[in-house]
Amino acid sequence: MTLLSTRGLTKSFGGLQAVTNVDLDLPKGEVRALIGPNGAGKTTLVSLICGRLAPSSGTVTFDDRAITDLPAHKRVQLGIAYTFQITSVFPRLSVRENVALAARRHIPKPDVPAAVDSALARVGLKNRIDEDAGNLSYGHQRLLEIAMGFVQQPRLLILDEPTQGLADHEIENFKALINDLRKVTTILLIEHNMSVVMELADRVTVLNFGELLAEGTPQQIHENAEVQAAYLGKG
């Protein structure tokens, strides 16, 4: 079953074509990696999917429902959660309060404390629950953001550069986290760390200059000559 589809998705900023005619099909339950060089249009594409940007042309469908014209908050209500490339936590609120704010949009009030505890335990931050979020390291703020996304019980969780700023041991914990989350949600992962991509992704979509360059299994992408030339540095 296809959960998310885009057809001819295009976004231009003045004379700059950031995304051009992207067709994407994401099946339910898959971990899909989205990769490409800097400036390839990855963040623009997911911003079109989650409603932060309106397309110049093309369509977005979620669970067989046309959502192209829906604002971002309506897409959240349908089950799309998105963590940003730059952390967007509330630094003066505690870790607990950050996750509780996200939870209250989707979970009955009596269930919020248990959901918060569960989400923070999942990302390994339960022992930091009463600290101000601004006191966390950048890497731990990234994990807090994932907890804020996951506590919304999304059907699609979009993670933009989630391992950026994580230490090696934190990346190993992140891989374990994704393997846990994939049991209950579909994941679209923008990621530069190729070992993470190769280990976690069911399939990989490659963008280059805003266009779809290739799509396939991690092994197929690793062996693709065009991808090697454009992105993996083997051209």
Protein backbone atom coordinates (compact mmCIF):
# COMPACT_ATOMS: atom_id res chain seq x y z
CA MET A 1 0.00 0.00 0.00
CA THR A 2 1.36 3.41 -1.01
CA LEU A 3 1.14 5.93 1.82
CA LEU A 4 2.64 8.99 0.09
CA SER A 5 2.80 9.91 -3.60
CA THR A 6 3.99 12.98 -5.46
CA ARG A 7 3.43 13.59 -9.15
CA GLY A 8 5.25 16.23 -11.16
CA LEU A 9 6.14 18.08 -7.97
CA THR A 10 7.92 21.30 -8.88
CA LYS A 11 9.07 24.37 -6.96
CA SER A 12 10.76 27.44 -8.36
CA PHE A 13 11.99 30.51 -6.52
CA GLY A 14 12.08 33.29 -9.09
CA GLY A 15 14.39 31.98 -11.79
CA LEU A 16 15.75 29.14 -9.65
CA GLN A 17 14.20 25.71 -10.16
CA ALA A 18 14.71 23.99 -6.79
CA VAL A 19 12.62 20.86 -7.47
CA THR A 20 11.58 19.68 -10.93
CA ASN A 21 8.88 17.12 -11.81
CA VAL A 22 9.54 14.72 -8.92
CA ASP A 23 7.45 11.54 -8.86
CA LEU A 24 7.82 9.71 -5.56
CA ASP A 25 5.96 6.70 -4.16
CA LEU A 26 6.53 5.75 -0.54
CA PRO A 27 4.92 2.48 0.60
CA LYS A 28 3.50 2.12 4.08
CA GLY A 29 6.03 0.72 6.57
CA GLU A 30 9.14 1.56 4.55
CA VAL A 31 12.26 3.43 5.62
CA ARG A 32 13.17 5.57 2.59
CA ALA A 33 16.40 7.54 2.47
CA LEU A 34 16.55 10.75 0.44
CA ILE A 35 20.10 11.66 -0.52
CA GLY A 36 21.91 14.03 -2.86
CA PRO A 37 24.58 16.75 -2.94
CA ASN A 38 24.13 19.99 -1.03
CA GLY A 39 21.63 22.12 -2.89
CA ALA A 40 20.01 19.12 -4.60
CA GLY A 41 16.55 20.13 -3.38
CA LYS A 42 16.04 17.58 -0.60
CA THR A 43 14.80 19.97 2.08
CA THR A 44 12.65 21.80 -0.46
CA LEU A 45 11.05 18.51 -1.49
CA VAL A 46 10.14 17.50 2.06
CA SER A 47 8.90 21.04 2.75
CA LEU A 48 6.50 20.55 -0.17
CA ILE A 49 5.43 17.19 1.24
CA CYS A 50 4.76 18.50 4.76
CA GLY A 51 3.13 21.74 3.60
CA ARG A 52 5.71 24.29 4.67
CA LEU A 53 6.02 25.32 1.02
CA ALA A 54 3.38 25.42 -1.72
CA PRO A 55 4.41 23.81 -5.02
CA SER A 56 4.67 25.76 -8.26
CA SER A 57 3.02 22.74 -9.89
CA GLY A 58 2.37 19.06 -9.24
CA THR A 59 0.45 17.13 -6.61
CA VAL A 60 0.90 15.46 -3.22
CA THR A 61 -1.28 12.53 -2.13
CA PHE A 62 -1.32 11.00 1.35
CA ASP A 63 -3.21 7.76 1.98
CA ASP A 64 -5.17 8.26 -1.27
CA ARG A 65 -6.18 11.77 -0.22
CA ALA A 66 -5.13 14.84 -2.22
CA ILE A 67 -3.31 17.14 0.21
CA THR A 68 -1.59 19.53 -2.22
CA ASP A 69 -3.62 22.51 -1.01
CA LEU A 70 -3.71 21.58 2.69
CA PRO A 71 -1.74 23.79 5.12
CA ALA A 72 1.00 22.22 7.23
CA HIS A 73 -1.06 21.95 10.43
CA LYS A 74 -3.78 20.00 8.59
CA ARG A 75 -1.16 17.57 7.30
CA VAL A 76 0.09 17.12 10.87
CA GLN A 77 -3.46 16.21 11.87
CA LEU A 78 -3.49 13.56 9.13
CA GLY A 79 -0.33 12.01 10.57
CA ILE A 80 2.70 13.69 8.97
CA ALA A 81 5.42 14.76 11.43
CA TYR A 82 8.59 16.58 10.33
CA THR A 83 11.76 17.33 12.28
CA PHE A 84 13.74 20.26 10.97
CA GLN A 85 17.32 20.40 9.69
CA ILE A 86 17.94 23.11 12.30
CA THR A 87 16.68 22.20 15.76
CA SER A 88 13.39 23.84 16.73
CA VAL A 89 13.11 22.96 20.42
CA PHE A 90 12.00 25.52 23.01
CA PRO A 91 15.28 26.11 24.89
CA ARG A 92 13.77 27.61 28.06
CA LEU A 93 11.27 24.78 28.52
CA SER A 94 12.22 21.46 30.04
CA VAL A 95 12.73 18.35 27.96
CA ARG A 96 9.45 17.04 29.39
CA GLU A 97 7.54 20.21 28.50
CA ASN A 98 8.85 20.23 24.92
CA VAL A 99 7.55 16.72 24.28
CA ALA A 100 4.30 17.36 26.17
CA LEU A 101 3.54 20.37 23.93
CA ALA A 102 3.83 18.16 20.87
CA ALA A 103 1.83 15.36 22.49
CA ARG A 104 -1.12 17.53 23.49
CA ARG A 105 -2.05 18.14 19.86
CA HIS A 106 -2.82 14.47 19.30
CA ILE A 107 -3.25 12.65 22.62
CA PRO A 108 -5.97 12.95 25.30
CA LYS A 109 -4.69 14.98 28.26
CA PRO A 110 -4.69 12.08 30.77
CA ASP A 111 -2.48 10.02 28.43
CA VAL A 112 0.14 12.72 27.85
CA PRO A 113 2.51 11.98 30.78
CA ALA A 114 2.85 8.29 29.89
CA ALA A 115 3.33 9.13 26.19
CA VAL A 116 6.04 11.66 27.07
CA ASP A 117 7.88 9.16 29.28
CA SER A 118 7.68 6.50 26.57
CA ALA A 119 8.95 8.80 23.81
CA LEU A 120 11.88 10.06 25.89
CA ALA A 121 12.81 6.55 26.97
CA ARG A 122 12.82 5.53 23.32
CA VAL A 123 15.36 8.21 22.36
CA GLY A 124 17.46 7.75 25.51
CA LEU A 125 16.66 11.06 27.19
CA LYS A 126 14.47 9.99 30.10
CA ASN A 127 17.24 10.78 32.59
CA ARG A 128 17.31 14.40 31.26
CA ILE A 129 13.55 14.89 31.51
CA ASP A 130 13.59 17.92 33.82
CA GLU A 131 16.53 19.76 32.26
CA ASP A 132 16.02 22.85 30.15
CA ALA A 133 16.18 21.83 26.51
CA GLY A 134 18.66 24.64 25.85
CA ASN A 135 21.17 22.93 28.13
CA LEU A 136 21.28 19.80 25.97
CA SER A 137 24.07 19.25 23.45
CA TYR A 138 23.16 19.79 19.81
CA GLY A 139 23.04 16.04 19.28
CA HIS A 140 20.70 15.52 22.22
CA GLN A 141 18.48 18.33 20.94
CA ARG A 142 18.21 16.37 17.69
CA LEU A 143 17.07 13.32 19.66
CA LEU A 144 14.60 15.48 21.60
CA GLU A 145 13.14 16.66 18.32
CA ILE A 146 12.68 13.06 17.20
CA ALA A 147 10.83 12.38 20.46
CA MET A 148 8.65 15.44 19.76
CA GLY A 149 7.86 14.05 16.33
CA PHE A 150 7.28 10.47 17.40
CA VAL A 151 5.04 11.34 20.38
CA GLN A 152 2.52 12.70 17.84
CA GLN A 153 1.99 9.07 16.75
CA PRO A 154 2.63 9.93 13.09
CA ARG A 155 1.89 7.67 10.18
CA LEU A 156 4.80 9.32 8.33
CA LEU A 157 7.86 10.62 10.22
CA ILE A 158 10.17 12.84 8.15
CA LEU A 159 13.65 13.32 9.61
CA ASP A 160 15.88 16.01 8.09
CA GLU A 161 19.59 15.33 8.76
CA PRO A 162 18.92 13.63 12.12
CA THR A 163 22.49 12.38 12.69
CA GLN A 164 24.09 15.78 12.11
CA GLY A 165 25.99 16.67 15.27
CA LEU A 166 25.74 13.20 16.81
CA ALA A 167 28.83 11.43 18.17
CA ASP A 168 29.66 7.96 16.85
CA HIS A 169 28.06 6.16 19.80
CA GLU A 170 24.98 8.36 19.47
CA ILE A 171 24.71 7.38 15.79
CA GLU A 172 24.70 3.72 16.81
CA ASN A 173 21.89 4.51 19.26
CA PHE A 174 20.07 6.37 16.48
CA LYS A 175 20.23 3.32 14.21
CA ALA A 176 18.71 1.21 16.96
CA LEU A 177 16.03 3.86 17.44
CA ILE A 178 15.05 3.82 13.76
CA ASN A 179 14.90 0.03 13.75
CA ASP A 180 12.51 0.34 16.70
CA LEU A 181 10.37 3.10 15.14
CA ARG A 182 10.09 1.35 11.77
CA LYS A 183 7.84 -1.23 13.43
CA VAL A 184 5.14 1.38 13.97
CA THR A 185 5.59 4.16 11.38
CA THR A 186 6.79 4.95 7.86
CA ILE A 187 10.01 6.99 7.78
CA LEU A 188 11.45 9.38 5.20
CA LEU A 189 15.06 10.11 6.11
CA ILE A 190 17.22 12.89 4.63
CA GLU A 191 20.73 11.79 5.46
CA HIS A 192 24.35 12.46 4.42
CA ASN A 193 25.90 9.67 6.48
CA MET A 194 26.07 6.85 3.93
CA SER A 195 26.72 4.14 6.48
CA VAL A 196 23.43 5.11 8.13
CA VAL A 197 21.67 5.07 4.74
CA MET A 198 23.11 1.72 3.72
CA GLU A 199 22.24 0.09 7.03
CA LEU A 200 18.75 1.50 7.59
CA ALA A 201 17.06 2.24 4.27
CA ASP A 202 14.80 -0.19 2.47
CA ARG A 203 15.12 1.98 -0.63
CA VAL A 204 17.00 5.16 -1.54
CA THR A 205 15.87 8.12 -3.65
CA VAL A 206 18.62 10.34 -5.08
CA LEU A 207 18.08 13.98 -6.06
CA ASN A 208 20.51 16.03 -8.12
CA PHE A 209 19.89 19.64 -9.19
CA GLY A 210 16.28 19.25 -8.05
CA GLU A 211 15.58 16.25 -10.27
CA LEU A 212 15.16 12.56 -9.52
CA LEU A 213 18.49 10.98 -10.47
CA ALA A 214 18.01 7.40 -9.30
CA GLU A 215 16.00 5.15 -7.05
CA GLY A 216 16.64 1.65 -5.76
CA THR A 217 17.93 -0.49 -2.95
CA PRO A 218 20.99 0.75 -1.05
CA GLN A 219 23.16 -1.72 -2.97
CA GLN A 220 21.77 -0.61 -6.34
CA ILE A 221 22.38 3.03 -5.47
CA HIS A 222 25.91 2.26 -4.25
CA GLU A 223 26.69 0.62 -7.60
CA ASN A 224 24.97 3.25 -9.78
CA ALA A 225 27.56 5.04 -11.93
CA GLU A 226 25.52 8.26 -12.22
CA VAL A 227 25.11 8.43 -8.45
CA GLN A 228 28.80 7.76 -7.93
CA ALA A 229 29.69 10.62 -10.26
CA ALA A 230 27.16 13.09 -8.82
CA TYR A 231 27.28 12.31 -5.14
CA LEU A 232 29.52 9.50 -3.96
CA GLY A 233 32.67 11.03 -5.43
CA LYS A 234 33.69 8.13 -7.66
CA GLY A 235 33.12 9.70 -11.03
